[in-house]
Amino acid sequence: MCESNVYLKKEGHEELVMENVAIVTPIDTDTFLLKGLLGESMEIKGRIEDINLMGHKIILTAP
């Protein structure tokens, strides 16, 4: 599978925001729509810091 976990980095600490994310869609400047494997979704504000597809990890930095 190709899902990843999305983390939001604040003040140097990574907080898990959503697991098993299958789709990340930019919807505005620094805003993304995350869609999970089971159909769940959420909007999150942040900037992409790192995408590690092999490690199944996406890190966004808080604005």
PDB file of N, CA and C in Angstrom:
ATOM      1  N   MET A   1       0.838  -1.181   0.000  1.00  0.00           N
ATOM      2  CA  MET A   1       0.000   0.000   0.000  1.00  0.00           C
ATOM      3  C   MET A   1       0.886   1.249   0.000  1.00  0.00           C
ATOM      4  N   CYS A   2       0.298   2.348  -0.420  1.00  0.00           N
ATOM      5  CA  CYS A   2       1.069   3.584  -0.559  1.00  0.00           C
ATOM      6  C   CYS A   2       0.548   4.705   0.331  1.00  0.00           C
ATOM      7  N   GLU A   3      -0.092   4.373   1.421  1.00  0.00           N
ATOM      8  CA  GLU A   3      -0.587   5.405   2.316  1.00  0.00           C
ATOM      9  C   GLU A   3       0.555   5.945   3.172  1.00  0.00           C
ATOM     10  N   SER A   4       0.350   7.151   3.670  1.00  0.00           N
ATOM     11  CA  SER A   4       1.343   7.763   4.543  1.00  0.00           C
ATOM     12  C   SER A   4       0.649   8.371   5.747  1.00  0.00           C
ATOM     13  N   ASN A   5       1.406   8.562   6.810  1.00  0.00           N
ATOM     14  CA  ASN A   5       0.919   9.288   7.972  1.00  0.00           C
ATOM     15  C   ASN A   5       1.355  10.738   7.806  1.00  0.00           C
ATOM     16  N   VAL A   6       0.467  11.669   8.190  1.00  0.00           N
ATOM     17  CA  VAL A   6       0.772  13.093   8.077  1.00  0.00           C
ATOM     18  C   VAL A   6       0.987  13.655   9.474  1.00  0.00           C
ATOM     19  N   TYR A   7       2.093  14.379   9.608  1.00  0.00           N
ATOM     20  CA  TYR A   7       2.453  15.002  10.879  1.00  0.00           C
ATOM     21  C   TYR A   7       2.508  16.510  10.697  1.00  0.00           C
ATOM     22  N   LEU A   8       2.133  17.252  11.743  1.00  0.00           N
ATOM     23  CA  LEU A   8       2.260  18.701  11.745  1.00  0.00           C
ATOM     24  C   LEU A   8       3.353  19.058  12.738  1.00  0.00           C
ATOM     25  N   LYS A   9       4.363  19.756  12.257  1.00  0.00           N
ATOM     26  CA  LYS A   9       5.508  20.123  13.094  1.00  0.00           C
ATOM     27  C   LYS A   9       5.288  21.511  13.661  1.00  0.00           C
ATOM     28  N   LYS A  10       5.276  21.590  14.999  1.00  0.00           N
ATOM     29  CA  LYS A  10       5.131  22.865  15.710  1.00  0.00           C
ATOM     30  C   LYS A  10       6.246  22.964  16.727  1.00  0.00           C
ATOM     31  N   GLU A  11       6.985  24.061  16.689  1.00  0.00           N
ATOM     32  CA  GLU A  11       8.053  24.318  17.649  1.00  0.00           C
ATOM     33  C   GLU A  11       8.998  23.122  17.778  1.00  0.00           C
ATOM     34  N   GLY A  12       9.306  22.485  16.647  1.00  0.00           N
ATOM     35  CA  GLY A  12      10.255  21.385  16.625  1.00  0.00           C
ATOM     36  C   GLY A  12       9.682  20.028  17.007  1.00  0.00           C
ATOM     37  N   HIS A  13       8.396  19.965  17.353  1.00  0.00           N
ATOM     38  CA  HIS A  13       7.759  18.710  17.761  1.00  0.00           C
ATOM     39  C   HIS A  13       6.771  18.268  16.686  1.00  0.00           C
ATOM     40  N   GLU A  14       6.830  16.990  16.297  1.00  0.00           N
ATOM     41  CA  GLU A  14       5.923  16.443  15.289  1.00  0.00           C
ATOM     42  C   GLU A  14       4.702  15.809  15.948  1.00  0.00           C
ATOM     43  N   GLU A  15       3.521  16.243  15.524  1.00  0.00           N
ATOM     44  CA  GLU A  15       2.266  15.720  16.058  1.00  0.00           C
ATOM     45  C   GLU A  15       1.524  14.987  14.940  1.00  0.00           C
ATOM     46  N   LEU A  16       1.157  13.744  15.177  1.00  0.00           N
ATOM     47  CA  LEU A  16       0.407  12.965  14.192  1.00  0.00           C
ATOM     48  C   LEU A  16      -0.959  13.600  13.979  1.00  0.00           C
ATOM     49  N   VAL A  17      -1.267  13.907  12.720  1.00  0.00           N
ATOM     50  CA  VAL A  17      -2.530  14.544  12.379  1.00  0.00           C
ATOM     51  C   VAL A  17      -3.524  13.532  11.813  1.00  0.00           C
ATOM     52  N   MET A  18      -3.029  12.647  10.931  1.00  0.00           N
ATOM     53  CA  MET A  18      -3.916  11.675  10.293  1.00  0.00           C
ATOM     54  C   MET A  18      -3.099  10.489   9.803  1.00  0.00           C
ATOM     55  N   GLU A  19      -3.638   9.298  10.006  1.00  0.00           N
ATOM     56  CA  GLU A  19      -2.990   8.072   9.559  1.00  0.00           C
ATOM     57  C   GLU A  19      -3.597   7.596   8.245  1.00  0.00           C
ATOM     58  N   ASN A  20      -2.843   6.795   7.519  1.00  0.00           N
ATOM     59  CA  ASN A  20      -3.307   6.147   6.288  1.00  0.00           C
ATOM     60  C   ASN A  20      -3.892   7.120   5.268  1.00  0.00           C
ATOM     61  N   VAL A  21      -3.169   8.213   5.040  1.00  0.00           N
ATOM     62  CA  VAL A  21      -3.590   9.216   4.065  1.00  0.00           C
ATOM     63  C   VAL A  21      -3.238   8.712   2.665  1.00  0.00           C
ATOM     64  N   ALA A  22      -4.233   8.702   1.791  1.00  0.00           N
ATOM     65  CA  ALA A  22      -4.035   8.220   0.426  1.00  0.00           C
ATOM     66  C   ALA A  22      -3.911   9.365  -0.574  1.00  0.00           C
ATOM     67  N   ILE A  23      -4.537  10.527  -0.251  1.00  0.00           N
ATOM     68  CA  ILE A  23      -4.544  11.660  -1.182  1.00  0.00           C
ATOM     69  C   ILE A  23      -4.276  12.952  -0.416  1.00  0.00           C
ATOM     70  N   VAL A  24      -3.364  13.777  -0.931  1.00  0.00           N
ATOM     71  CA  VAL A  24      -3.102  15.117  -0.409  1.00  0.00           C
ATOM     72  C   VAL A  24      -3.331  16.084  -1.556  1.00  0.00           C
ATOM     73  N   THR A  25      -4.318  16.970  -1.387  1.00  0.00           N
ATOM     74  CA  THR A  25      -4.678  17.908  -2.449  1.00  0.00           C
ATOM     75  C   THR A  25      -4.526  19.339  -1.940  1.00  0.00           C
ATOM     76  N   PRO A  26      -3.723  20.170  -2.632  1.00  0.00           N
ATOM     77  CA  PRO A  26      -3.652  21.583  -2.239  1.00  0.00           C
ATOM     78  C   PRO A  26      -4.954  22.273  -2.611  1.00  0.00           C
ATOM     79  N   ILE A  27      -5.525  23.028  -1.658  1.00  0.00           N
ATOM     80  CA  ILE A  27      -6.784  23.723  -1.944  1.00  0.00           C
ATOM     81  C   ILE A  27      -6.648  25.231  -1.832  1.00  0.00           C
ATOM     82  N   ASP A  28      -5.551  25.695  -1.238  1.00  0.00           N
ATOM     83  CA  ASP A  28      -5.288  27.126  -1.118  1.00  0.00           C
ATOM     84  C   ASP A  28      -3.817  27.263  -0.710  1.00  0.00           C
ATOM     85  N   THR A  29      -3.345  28.468  -0.624  1.00  0.00           N
ATOM     86  CA  THR A  29      -1.982  28.685  -0.184  1.00  0.00           C
ATOM     87  C   THR A  29      -1.820  28.126   1.223  1.00  0.00           C
ATOM     88  N   ASP A  30      -0.914  27.185   1.388  1.00  0.00           N
ATOM     89  CA  ASP A  30      -0.620  26.564   2.678  1.00  0.00           C
ATOM     90  C   ASP A  30      -1.809  25.819   3.292  1.00  0.00           C
ATOM     91  N   THR A  31      -2.756  25.376   2.483  1.00  0.00           N
ATOM     92  CA  THR A  31      -3.895  24.591   2.970  1.00  0.00           C
ATOM     93  C   THR A  31      -4.041  23.350   2.106  1.00  0.00           C
ATOM     94  N   PHE A  32      -4.196  22.210   2.764  1.00  0.00           N
ATOM     95  CA  PHE A  32      -4.297  20.940   2.060  1.00  0.00           C
ATOM     96  C   PHE A  32      -5.531  20.175   2.527  1.00  0.00           C
ATOM     97  N   LEU A  33      -6.101  19.401   1.604  1.00  0.00           N
ATOM     98  CA  LEU A  33      -7.177  18.476   1.930  1.00  0.00           C
ATOM     99  C   LEU A  33      -6.558  17.086   1.984  1.00  0.00           C
ATOM    100  N   LEU A  34      -6.666  16.448   3.146  1.00  0.00           N
ATOM    101  CA  LEU A  34      -6.162  15.092   3.329  1.00  0.00           C
ATOM    102  C   LEU A  34      -7.324  14.121   3.228  1.00  0.00           C
ATOM    103  N   LYS A  35      -7.169  13.062   2.450  1.00  0.00           N
ATOM    104  CA  LYS A  35      -8.201  12.039   2.319  1.00  0.00           C
ATOM    105  C   LYS A  35      -7.605  10.697   2.707  1.00  0.00           C
ATOM    106  N   GLY A  36      -8.281  10.021   3.613  1.00  0.00           N
ATOM    107  CA  GLY A  36      -7.804   8.758   4.126  1.00  0.00           C
ATOM    108  C   GLY A  36      -8.288   7.572   3.315  1.00  0.00           C
ATOM    109  N   LEU A  37      -7.703   6.458   3.624  1.00  0.00           N
ATOM    110  CA  LEU A  37      -7.997   5.209   2.937  1.00  0.00           C
ATOM    111  C   LEU A  37      -9.456   4.779   3.107  1.00  0.00           C
ATOM    112  N   LEU A  38     -10.048   5.119   4.243  1.00  0.00           N
ATOM    113  CA  LEU A  38     -11.424   4.705   4.528  1.00  0.00           C
ATOM    114  C   LEU A  38     -12.452   5.793   4.234  1.00  0.00           C
ATOM    115  N   GLY A  39     -12.032   6.855   3.539  1.00  0.00           N
ATOM    116  CA  GLY A  39     -12.963   7.896   3.129  1.00  0.00           C
ATOM    117  C   GLY A  39     -13.001   9.120   4.022  1.00  0.00           C
ATOM    118  N   GLU A  40     -12.299   9.094   5.150  1.00  0.00           N
ATOM    119  CA  GLU A  40     -12.284  10.263   6.021  1.00  0.00           C
ATOM    120  C   GLU A  40     -11.479  11.380   5.367  1.00  0.00           C
ATOM    121  N   SER A  41     -11.766  12.617   5.736  1.00  0.00           N
ATOM    122  CA  SER A  41     -11.031  13.738   5.161  1.00  0.00           C
ATOM    123  C   SER A  41     -10.926  14.868   6.179  1.00  0.00           C
ATOM    124  N   MET A  42      -9.940  15.715   5.973  1.00  0.00           N
ATOM    125  CA  MET A  42      -9.771  16.896   6.818  1.00  0.00           C
ATOM    126  C   MET A  42      -8.920  17.927   6.083  1.00  0.00           C
ATOM    127  N   GLU A  43      -9.145  19.193   6.432  1.00  0.00           N
ATOM    128  CA  GLU A  43      -8.326  20.290   5.917  1.00  0.00           C
ATOM    129  C   GLU A  43      -7.283  20.620   6.969  1.00  0.00           C
ATOM    130  N   ILE A  44      -6.095  20.956   6.500  1.00  0.00           N
ATOM    131  CA  ILE A  44      -5.021  21.324   7.423  1.00  0.00           C
ATOM    132  C   ILE A  44      -4.197  22.445   6.807  1.00  0.00           C
ATOM    133  N   LYS A  45      -3.791  23.383   7.657  1.00  0.00           N
ATOM    134  CA  LYS A  45      -2.923  24.468   7.214  1.00  0.00           C
ATOM    135  C   LYS A  45      -1.485  24.110   7.566  1.00  0.00           C
ATOM    136  N   GLY A  46      -0.594  24.341   6.634  1.00  0.00           N
ATOM    137  CA  GLY A  46       0.818  24.087   6.854  1.00  0.00           C
ATOM    138  C   GLY A  46       1.575  24.135   5.544  1.00  0.00           C
ATOM    139  N   ARG A  47       2.879  24.088   5.677  1.00  0.00           N
ATOM    140  CA  ARG A  47       3.758  24.053   4.508  1.00  0.00           C
ATOM    141  C   ARG A  47       4.469  22.709   4.485  1.00  0.00           C
ATOM    142  N   ILE A  48       4.659  22.178   3.305  1.00  0.00           N
ATOM    143  CA  ILE A  48       5.335  20.896   3.183  1.00  0.00           C
ATOM    144  C   ILE A  48       6.797  21.066   3.571  1.00  0.00           C
ATOM    145  N   GLU A  49       7.218  20.277   4.547  1.00  0.00           N
ATOM    146  CA  GLU A  49       8.621  20.270   4.950  1.00  0.00           C
ATOM    147  C   GLU A  49       9.336  19.062   4.357  1.00  0.00           C
ATOM    148  N   ASP A  50       8.666  17.904   4.389  1.00  0.00           N
ATOM    149  CA  ASP A  50       9.304  16.695   3.909  1.00  0.00           C
ATOM    150  C   ASP A  50       8.239  15.677   3.501  1.00  0.00           C
ATOM    151  N   ILE A  51       8.506  14.971   2.413  1.00  0.00           N
ATOM    152  CA  ILE A  51       7.670  13.853   1.981  1.00  0.00           C
ATOM    153  C   ILE A  51       8.595  12.661   1.805  1.00  0.00           C
ATOM    154  N   ASN A  52       8.389  11.638   2.621  1.00  0.00           N
ATOM    155  CA  ASN A  52       9.202  10.432   2.556  1.00  0.00           C
ATOM    156  C   ASN A  52       8.286   9.272   2.180  1.00  0.00           C
ATOM    157  N   LEU A  53       8.210   8.970   0.895  1.00  0.00           N
ATOM    158  CA  LEU A  53       7.305   7.926   0.420  1.00  0.00           C
ATOM    159  C   LEU A  53       7.750   6.542   0.864  1.00  0.00           C
ATOM    160  N   MET A  54       9.039   6.317   0.950  1.00  0.00           N
ATOM    161  CA  MET A  54       9.533   5.021   1.420  1.00  0.00           C
ATOM    162  C   MET A  54       9.223   4.812   2.899  1.00  0.00           C
ATOM    163  N   GLY A  55       9.256   5.909   3.659  1.00  0.00           N
ATOM    164  CA  GLY A  55       8.960   5.840   5.089  1.00  0.00           C
ATOM    165  C   GLY A  55       7.503   6.077   5.416  1.00  0.00           C
ATOM    166  N   HIS A  56       6.680   6.335   4.391  1.00  0.00           N
ATOM    167  CA  HIS A  56       5.239   6.567   4.554  1.00  0.00           C
ATOM    168  C   HIS A  56       4.971   7.717   5.533  1.00  0.00           C
ATOM    169  N   LYS A  57       5.694   8.813   5.357  1.00  0.00           N
ATOM    170  CA  LYS A  57       5.613   9.930   6.288  1.00  0.00           C
ATOM    171  C   LYS A  57       5.638  11.256   5.533  1.00  0.00           C
ATOM    172  N   ILE A  58       4.667  12.119   5.849  1.00  0.00           N
ATOM    173  CA  ILE A  58       4.602  13.466   5.295  1.00  0.00           C
ATOM    174  C   ILE A  58       4.630  14.441   6.471  1.00  0.00           C
ATOM    175  N   ILE A  59       5.543  15.398   6.420  1.00  0.00           N
ATOM    176  CA  ILE A  59       5.662  16.379   7.503  1.00  0.00           C
ATOM    177  C   ILE A  59       5.289  17.749   6.968  1.00  0.00           C
ATOM    178  N   LEU A  60       4.312  18.378   7.610  1.00  0.00           N
ATOM    179  CA  LEU A  60       3.926  19.760   7.326  1.00  0.00           C
ATOM    180  C   LEU A  60       4.375  20.618   8.482  1.00  0.00           C
ATOM    181  N   THR A  61       4.818  21.839   8.203  1.00  0.00           N
ATOM    182  CA  THR A  61       5.201  22.780   9.231  1.00  0.00           C
ATOM    183  C   THR A  61       4.054  23.754   9.450  1.00  0.00           C
ATOM    184  N   ALA A  62       3.713  23.983  10.714  1.00  0.00           N
ATOM    185  CA  ALA A  62       2.628  24.902  11.042  1.00  0.00           C
ATOM    186  C   ALA A  62       2.949  26.300  10.544  1.00  0.00           C
ATOM    187  N   PRO A  63       1.939  26.984  10.013  1.00  0.00           N
ATOM    188  CA  PRO A  63       2.169  28.342   9.488  1.00  0.00           C
ATOM    189  C   PRO A  63       2.470  29.345  10.581  1.00  0.00           C
TER     190      PRO A  63
END
